Amino acid sequence: MKLFIDTCNWKLVLLLKKDDQIMDSLILPDTKKVSDIALSTITKLLSKNNLKINDIDEFYLTNGPGSYTGVRVGLTIVKTLKTLNNRIKVYLLNSLAFQAANDQAISILDARGNKYYIGVYENQKPLIEETVVNLSELDDIKKTYSNFLIKEDNQSLDYIQTFNLLEKNFKLIDEIEEILPLYIKNFI
């Protein structure tokens, strides 16, 4: 049984998958207090499907960039579970790559304070290093890659379709110490 968790960008997204079938999903938008509800919401989703946390043997997560607290929530839950049961498998993919899917796309996430997390991808291959930019730099990147799709803040992102498409692109993380957030903004 697989559970996809995305807590990075002011949403709580959960997808429950068995074999090649999505069994259930939950997307809670505008979740500013994701740390308060994530674990109980996961428990409710599992219970609704007559499952327990021990029934999940593979966890798929986005690991940022995004909301500083949000990025840590999903990772902390899964890191704790892996500490208790080292047999579970953990797979990570960054939020920008997830949003880009397999498209030729500029992936943009609001970093607050008139800054933007950005990645440019072609078929999941990064064409620039993921970074944080201001509006002027963002405009320059849009001009440079003018024929690319613009995907911004997960607007109209079909999480189920995207997860099914990208599941093989998530990276297996063997060591607990390697389950790390992707922070690309310096905090003062």
C-alpha atoms as a PDB file:
ATOM      1  CA  MET A   1       0.000   0.000   0.000  1.00  0.00           C
ATOM      2  CA  LYS A   2       1.281   3.476  -0.915  1.00  0.00           C
ATOM      3  CA  LEU A   3       0.538   6.892   0.558  1.00  0.00           C
ATOM      4  CA  PHE A   4       1.445  10.133  -1.215  1.00  0.00           C
ATOM      5  CA  ILE A   5       1.715  13.177   1.069  1.00  0.00           C
ATOM      6  CA  ASP A   6       2.171  16.800   0.031  1.00  0.00           C
ATOM      7  CA  THR A   7       2.184  19.395   2.810  1.00  0.00           C
ATOM      8  CA  CYS A   8       4.582  21.851   1.172  1.00  0.00           C
ATOM      9  CA  ASN A   9       2.423  24.578  -0.316  1.00  0.00           C
ATOM     10  CA  TRP A  10      -0.505  25.517   1.902  1.00  0.00           C
ATOM     11  CA  LYS A  11      -2.494  22.415   1.030  1.00  0.00           C
ATOM     12  CA  LEU A  12      -2.743  18.985   2.539  1.00  0.00           C
ATOM     13  CA  VAL A  13      -2.782  16.389  -0.232  1.00  0.00           C
ATOM     14  CA  LEU A  14      -3.135  12.670   0.475  1.00  0.00           C
ATOM     15  CA  LEU A  15      -3.409   9.907  -2.134  1.00  0.00           C
ATOM     16  CA  LEU A  16      -3.869   6.290  -1.152  1.00  0.00           C
ATOM     17  CA  LYS A  17      -2.792   3.777  -3.803  1.00  0.00           C
ATOM     18  CA  LYS A  18      -2.916   0.001  -3.960  1.00  0.00           C
ATOM     19  CA  ASP A  19      -1.307  -1.750  -6.910  1.00  0.00           C
ATOM     20  CA  ASP A  20      -2.044   0.592  -9.820  1.00  0.00           C
ATOM     21  CA  GLN A  21      -5.301   1.974  -8.446  1.00  0.00           C
ATOM     22  CA  ILE A  22      -5.903   5.165  -6.451  1.00  0.00           C
ATOM     23  CA  MET A  23      -8.189   3.967  -3.665  1.00  0.00           C
ATOM     24  CA  ASP A  24      -8.890   7.330  -2.079  1.00  0.00           C
ATOM     25  CA  SER A  25      -7.692  10.907  -2.070  1.00  0.00           C
ATOM     26  CA  LEU A  26      -8.077  14.048  -0.028  1.00  0.00           C
ATOM     27  CA  ILE A  27      -7.083  17.579  -0.965  1.00  0.00           C
ATOM     28  CA  LEU A  28      -7.570  20.303   1.636  1.00  0.00           C
ATOM     29  CA  PRO A  29      -6.805  23.759   0.187  1.00  0.00           C
ATOM     30  CA  ASP A  30      -5.633  26.792   2.156  1.00  0.00           C
ATOM     31  CA  THR A  31      -4.325  24.701   5.032  1.00  0.00           C
ATOM     32  CA  LYS A  32      -2.360  27.274   7.008  1.00  0.00           C
ATOM     33  CA  LYS A  33      -2.248  25.040  10.097  1.00  0.00           C
ATOM     34  CA  VAL A  34      -1.232  21.824   8.343  1.00  0.00           C
ATOM     35  CA  SER A  35       0.866  20.832  11.362  1.00  0.00           C
ATOM     36  CA  ASP A  36      -2.301  20.759  13.490  1.00  0.00           C
ATOM     37  CA  ILE A  37      -4.306  18.486  11.194  1.00  0.00           C
ATOM     38  CA  ALA A  38      -1.935  16.356   9.096  1.00  0.00           C
ATOM     39  CA  LEU A  39      -1.561  13.320  11.341  1.00  0.00           C
ATOM     40  CA  SER A  40      -5.232  13.148  12.356  1.00  0.00           C
ATOM     41  CA  THR A  41      -6.309  13.586   8.724  1.00  0.00           C
ATOM     42  CA  ILE A  42      -4.012  10.759   7.602  1.00  0.00           C
ATOM     43  CA  THR A  43      -5.435   8.560  10.364  1.00  0.00           C
ATOM     44  CA  LYS A  44      -9.020   9.377   9.293  1.00  0.00           C
ATOM     45  CA  LEU A  45      -8.267   8.627   5.632  1.00  0.00           C
ATOM     46  CA  LEU A  46      -6.744   5.275   6.557  1.00  0.00           C
ATOM     47  CA  SER A  47      -9.593   4.426   8.932  1.00  0.00           C
ATOM     48  CA  LYS A  48     -12.164   5.278   6.248  1.00  0.00           C
ATOM     49  CA  ASN A  49     -10.460   2.635   4.086  1.00  0.00           C
ATOM     50  CA  ASN A  50     -10.193   0.078   6.917  1.00  0.00           C
ATOM     51  CA  LEU A  51      -6.434   0.539   7.099  1.00  0.00           C
ATOM     52  CA  LYS A  52      -3.886   1.330   9.774  1.00  0.00           C
ATOM     53  CA  ILE A  53      -0.608   3.178   9.406  1.00  0.00           C
ATOM     54  CA  ASN A  54       1.230  -0.180   9.533  1.00  0.00           C
ATOM     55  CA  ASP A  55      -0.537  -1.175   6.298  1.00  0.00           C
ATOM     56  CA  ILE A  56       1.404   1.500   4.406  1.00  0.00           C
ATOM     57  CA  ASP A  57       4.747   0.195   3.217  1.00  0.00           C
ATOM     58  CA  GLU A  58       5.659   2.972   0.774  1.00  0.00           C
ATOM     59  CA  PHE A  59       5.454   6.719   1.373  1.00  0.00           C
ATOM     60  CA  TYR A  60       5.839   9.252  -1.428  1.00  0.00           C
ATOM     61  CA  LEU A  61       6.430  12.871  -0.462  1.00  0.00           C
ATOM     62  CA  THR A  62       7.227  16.222  -1.936  1.00  0.00           C
ATOM     63  CA  ASN A  63      10.074  17.685   0.091  1.00  0.00           C
ATOM     64  CA  GLY A  64       9.910  21.346  -0.868  1.00  0.00           C
ATOM     65  CA  PRO A  65      10.473  24.057  -1.566  1.00  0.00           C
ATOM     66  CA  GLY A  66       7.413  25.666  -0.057  1.00  0.00           C
ATOM     67  CA  SER A  67       6.020  26.763   3.262  1.00  0.00           C
ATOM     68  CA  TYR A  68       8.820  26.382   5.813  1.00  0.00           C
ATOM     69  CA  THR A  69       6.548  24.627   8.322  1.00  0.00           C
ATOM     70  CA  GLY A  70       4.580  22.766   5.667  1.00  0.00           C
ATOM     71  CA  VAL A  71       7.710  21.259   4.141  1.00  0.00           C
ATOM     72  CA  ARG A  72       8.701  19.793   7.515  1.00  0.00           C
ATOM     73  CA  VAL A  73       5.290  18.375   8.479  1.00  0.00           C
ATOM     74  CA  GLY A  74       5.047  15.486   6.014  1.00  0.00           C
ATOM     75  CA  LEU A  75       8.753  14.733   6.288  1.00  0.00           C
ATOM     76  CA  THR A  76       8.641  14.624  10.092  1.00  0.00           C
ATOM     77  CA  ILE A  77       5.672  12.250  10.120  1.00  0.00           C
ATOM     78  CA  VAL A  78       7.312   9.847   7.684  1.00  0.00           C
ATOM     79  CA  LYS A  79      10.753  10.155   9.249  1.00  0.00           C
ATOM     80  CA  THR A  80       9.240   9.171  12.600  1.00  0.00           C
ATOM     81  CA  LEU A  81       7.444   6.196  11.046  1.00  0.00           C
ATOM     82  CA  LYS A  82      10.654   5.044   9.335  1.00  0.00           C
ATOM     83  CA  THR A  83      12.491   5.332  12.656  1.00  0.00           C
ATOM     84  CA  LEU A  84       9.911   2.987  14.180  1.00  0.00           C
ATOM     85  CA  ASN A  85       9.854   0.633  11.180  1.00  0.00           C
ATOM     86  CA  ASN A  86      12.937   0.724   8.973  1.00  0.00           C
ATOM     87  CA  ARG A  87      11.294  -1.620   6.424  1.00  0.00           C
ATOM     88  CA  ILE A  88       9.030   1.082   5.043  1.00  0.00           C
ATOM     89  CA  LYS A  89      10.207   2.741   1.854  1.00  0.00           C
ATOM     90  CA  VAL A  90      10.357   6.504   1.476  1.00  0.00           C
ATOM     91  CA  TYR A  91      10.441   8.257  -1.895  1.00  0.00           C
ATOM     92  CA  LEU A  92      10.989  11.988  -2.454  1.00  0.00           C
ATOM     93  CA  LEU A  93      10.488  14.449  -5.318  1.00  0.00           C
ATOM     94  CA  ASN A  94      10.782  18.206  -5.083  1.00  0.00           C
ATOM     95  CA  SER A  95       7.628  20.319  -5.326  1.00  0.00           C
ATOM     96  CA  LEU A  96       8.754  22.232  -8.416  1.00  0.00           C
ATOM     97  CA  ALA A  97       9.476  19.047 -10.380  1.00  0.00           C
ATOM     98  CA  PHE A  98       6.151  17.550  -9.256  1.00  0.00           C
ATOM     99  CA  GLN A  99       4.243  20.599 -10.476  1.00  0.00           C
ATOM    100  CA  ALA A 100       6.088  20.584 -13.826  1.00  0.00           C
ATOM    101  CA  ALA A 101       5.091  16.938 -14.429  1.00  0.00           C
ATOM    102  CA  ASN A 102       6.535  15.689 -17.727  1.00  0.00           C
ATOM    103  CA  ASP A 103       5.927  18.964 -19.503  1.00  0.00           C
ATOM    104  CA  GLN A 104       8.246  21.543 -20.940  1.00  0.00           C
ATOM    105  CA  ALA A 105       7.473  23.972 -18.138  1.00  0.00           C
ATOM    106  CA  ILE A 106       8.516  26.819 -15.915  1.00  0.00           C
ATOM    107  CA  SER A 107       7.429  25.745 -12.442  1.00  0.00           C
ATOM    108  CA  ILE A 108       6.785  28.648 -10.058  1.00  0.00           C
ATOM    109  CA  LEU A 109       5.820  28.633  -6.380  1.00  0.00           C
ATOM    110  CA  ASP A 110       5.212  31.729  -4.271  1.00  0.00           C
ATOM    111  CA  ALA A 111       8.074  32.120  -1.784  1.00  0.00           C
ATOM    112  CA  ARG A 112       6.383  35.140  -0.163  1.00  0.00           C
ATOM    113  CA  GLY A 113       7.909  38.601   0.111  1.00  0.00           C
ATOM    114  CA  ASN A 114       7.805  39.144  -3.683  1.00  0.00           C
ATOM    115  CA  LYS A 115      10.103  36.143  -4.202  1.00  0.00           C
ATOM    116  CA  TYR A 116       9.432  33.004  -6.220  1.00  0.00           C
ATOM    117  CA  TYR A 117      10.787  29.473  -6.154  1.00  0.00           C
ATOM    118  CA  ILE A 118      11.452  28.494  -9.729  1.00  0.00           C
ATOM    119  CA  GLY A 119      12.517  25.500 -11.753  1.00  0.00           C
ATOM    120  CA  VAL A 120      12.610  25.027 -15.510  1.00  0.00           C
ATOM    121  CA  TYR A 121      12.058  21.486 -16.754  1.00  0.00           C
ATOM    122  CA  GLU A 122      11.814  19.494 -19.923  1.00  0.00           C
ATOM    123  CA  ASN A 123      10.445  15.997 -19.334  1.00  0.00           C
ATOM    124  CA  GLN A 124      11.482  16.168 -15.649  1.00  0.00           C
ATOM    125  CA  LYS A 125      15.018  17.184 -16.596  1.00  0.00           C
ATOM    126  CA  PRO A 126      15.963  20.439 -14.830  1.00  0.00           C
ATOM    127  CA  LEU A 127      17.335  23.007 -17.273  1.00  0.00           C
ATOM    128  CA  ILE A 128      18.371  25.396 -14.497  1.00  0.00           C
ATOM    129  CA  GLU A 129      19.114  24.772 -10.844  1.00  0.00           C
ATOM    130  CA  GLU A 130      16.019  25.299  -8.694  1.00  0.00           C
ATOM    131  CA  THR A 131      16.357  28.710  -7.109  1.00  0.00           C
ATOM    132  CA  VAL A 132      14.538  31.669  -5.605  1.00  0.00           C
ATOM    133  CA  VAL A 133      14.143  34.821  -7.713  1.00  0.00           C
ATOM    134  CA  ASN A 134      12.538  38.245  -7.584  1.00  0.00           C
ATOM    135  CA  LEU A 135       9.875  39.418 -10.060  1.00  0.00           C
ATOM    136  CA  SER A 136      12.373  40.960 -12.482  1.00  0.00           C
ATOM    137  CA  GLU A 137      14.436  37.748 -12.597  1.00  0.00           C
ATOM    138  CA  LEU A 138      11.248  35.728 -13.042  1.00  0.00           C
ATOM    139  CA  ASP A 139      10.267  37.886 -16.024  1.00  0.00           C
ATOM    140  CA  ASP A 140      13.702  37.302 -17.570  1.00  0.00           C
ATOM    141  CA  ILE A 141      13.352  33.531 -17.180  1.00  0.00           C
ATOM    142  CA  LYS A 142       9.880  33.649 -18.728  1.00  0.00           C
ATOM    143  CA  LYS A 143      11.337  35.505 -21.730  1.00  0.00           C
ATOM    144  CA  THR A 144      14.220  33.050 -22.078  1.00  0.00           C
ATOM    145  CA  TYR A 145      11.835  30.086 -22.039  1.00  0.00           C
ATOM    146  CA  SER A 146       8.922  31.818 -23.770  1.00  0.00           C
ATOM    147  CA  ASN A 147       7.679  28.636 -25.460  1.00  0.00           C
ATOM    148  CA  PHE A 148       7.400  26.752 -22.138  1.00  0.00           C
ATOM    149  CA  LEU A 149       4.193  26.252 -20.157  1.00  0.00           C
ATOM    150  CA  ILE A 150       3.902  28.334 -16.999  1.00  0.00           C
ATOM    151  CA  LYS A 151       2.774  26.296 -13.995  1.00  0.00           C
ATOM    152  CA  GLU A 152       2.215  28.379 -10.912  1.00  0.00           C
ATOM    153  CA  ASP A 153       1.255  27.588  -7.309  1.00  0.00           C
ATOM    154  CA  ASN A 154      -0.262  24.202  -8.208  1.00  0.00           C
ATOM    155  CA  GLN A 155      -3.210  25.933  -9.901  1.00  0.00           C
ATOM    156  CA  SER A 156      -5.311  23.345 -11.704  1.00  0.00           C
ATOM    157  CA  LEU A 157      -2.806  20.620 -10.860  1.00  0.00           C
ATOM    158  CA  ASP A 158      -4.403  17.188 -11.076  1.00  0.00           C
ATOM    159  CA  TYR A 159      -2.603  15.500  -8.190  1.00  0.00           C
ATOM    160  CA  ILE A 160      -3.823  11.997  -9.019  1.00  0.00           C
ATOM    161  CA  GLN A 161      -2.845  12.179 -12.677  1.00  0.00           C
ATOM    162  CA  THR A 162       0.490  13.816 -11.836  1.00  0.00           C
ATOM    163  CA  PHE A 163       1.342  11.271  -9.136  1.00  0.00           C
ATOM    164  CA  ASN A 164       0.484   8.368 -11.436  1.00  0.00           C
ATOM    165  CA  LEU A 165       2.629   9.921 -14.156  1.00  0.00           C
ATOM    166  CA  LEU A 166       5.618  10.712 -11.918  1.00  0.00           C
ATOM    167  CA  GLU A 167       5.606   7.868  -9.393  1.00  0.00           C
ATOM    168  CA  LYS A 168       8.647   6.303 -11.076  1.00  0.00           C
ATOM    169  CA  ASN A 169      10.515   9.648 -10.837  1.00  0.00           C
ATOM    170  CA  PHE A 170      10.430   9.777  -7.040  1.00  0.00           C
ATOM    171  CA  LYS A 171      13.819   8.919  -5.537  1.00  0.00           C
ATOM    172  CA  LEU A 172      14.045   6.078  -3.023  1.00  0.00           C
ATOM    173  CA  ILE A 173      15.705   7.286   0.181  1.00  0.00           C
ATOM    174  CA  ASP A 174      17.293   4.454   2.142  1.00  0.00           C
ATOM    175  CA  GLU A 175      18.730   6.272   5.141  1.00  0.00           C
ATOM    176  CA  ILE A 176      16.622   8.217   7.641  1.00  0.00           C
ATOM    177  CA  GLU A 177      19.265  10.961   7.725  1.00  0.00           C
ATOM    178  CA  GLU A 178      18.682  11.528   3.993  1.00  0.00           C
ATOM    179  CA  ILE A 179      14.977  12.317   4.372  1.00  0.00           C
ATOM    180  CA  LEU A 180      15.588  16.037   4.096  1.00  0.00           C
ATOM    181  CA  PRO A 181      13.624  19.126   3.121  1.00  0.00           C
ATOM    182  CA  LEU A 182      14.608  21.163   0.092  1.00  0.00           C
ATOM    183  CA  TYR A 183      15.104  24.723   1.273  1.00  0.00           C
ATOM    184  CA  ILE A 184      16.325  27.172  -1.341  1.00  0.00           C
ATOM    185  CA  LYS A 185      15.574  30.398   0.470  1.00  0.00           C
ATOM    186  CA  ASN A 186      17.963  31.705   3.084  1.00  0.00           C
ATOM    187  CA  PHE A 187      16.247  32.523   6.353  1.00  0.00           C
ATOM    188  CA  ILE A 188      17.610  35.288   8.554  1.00  0.00           C
END
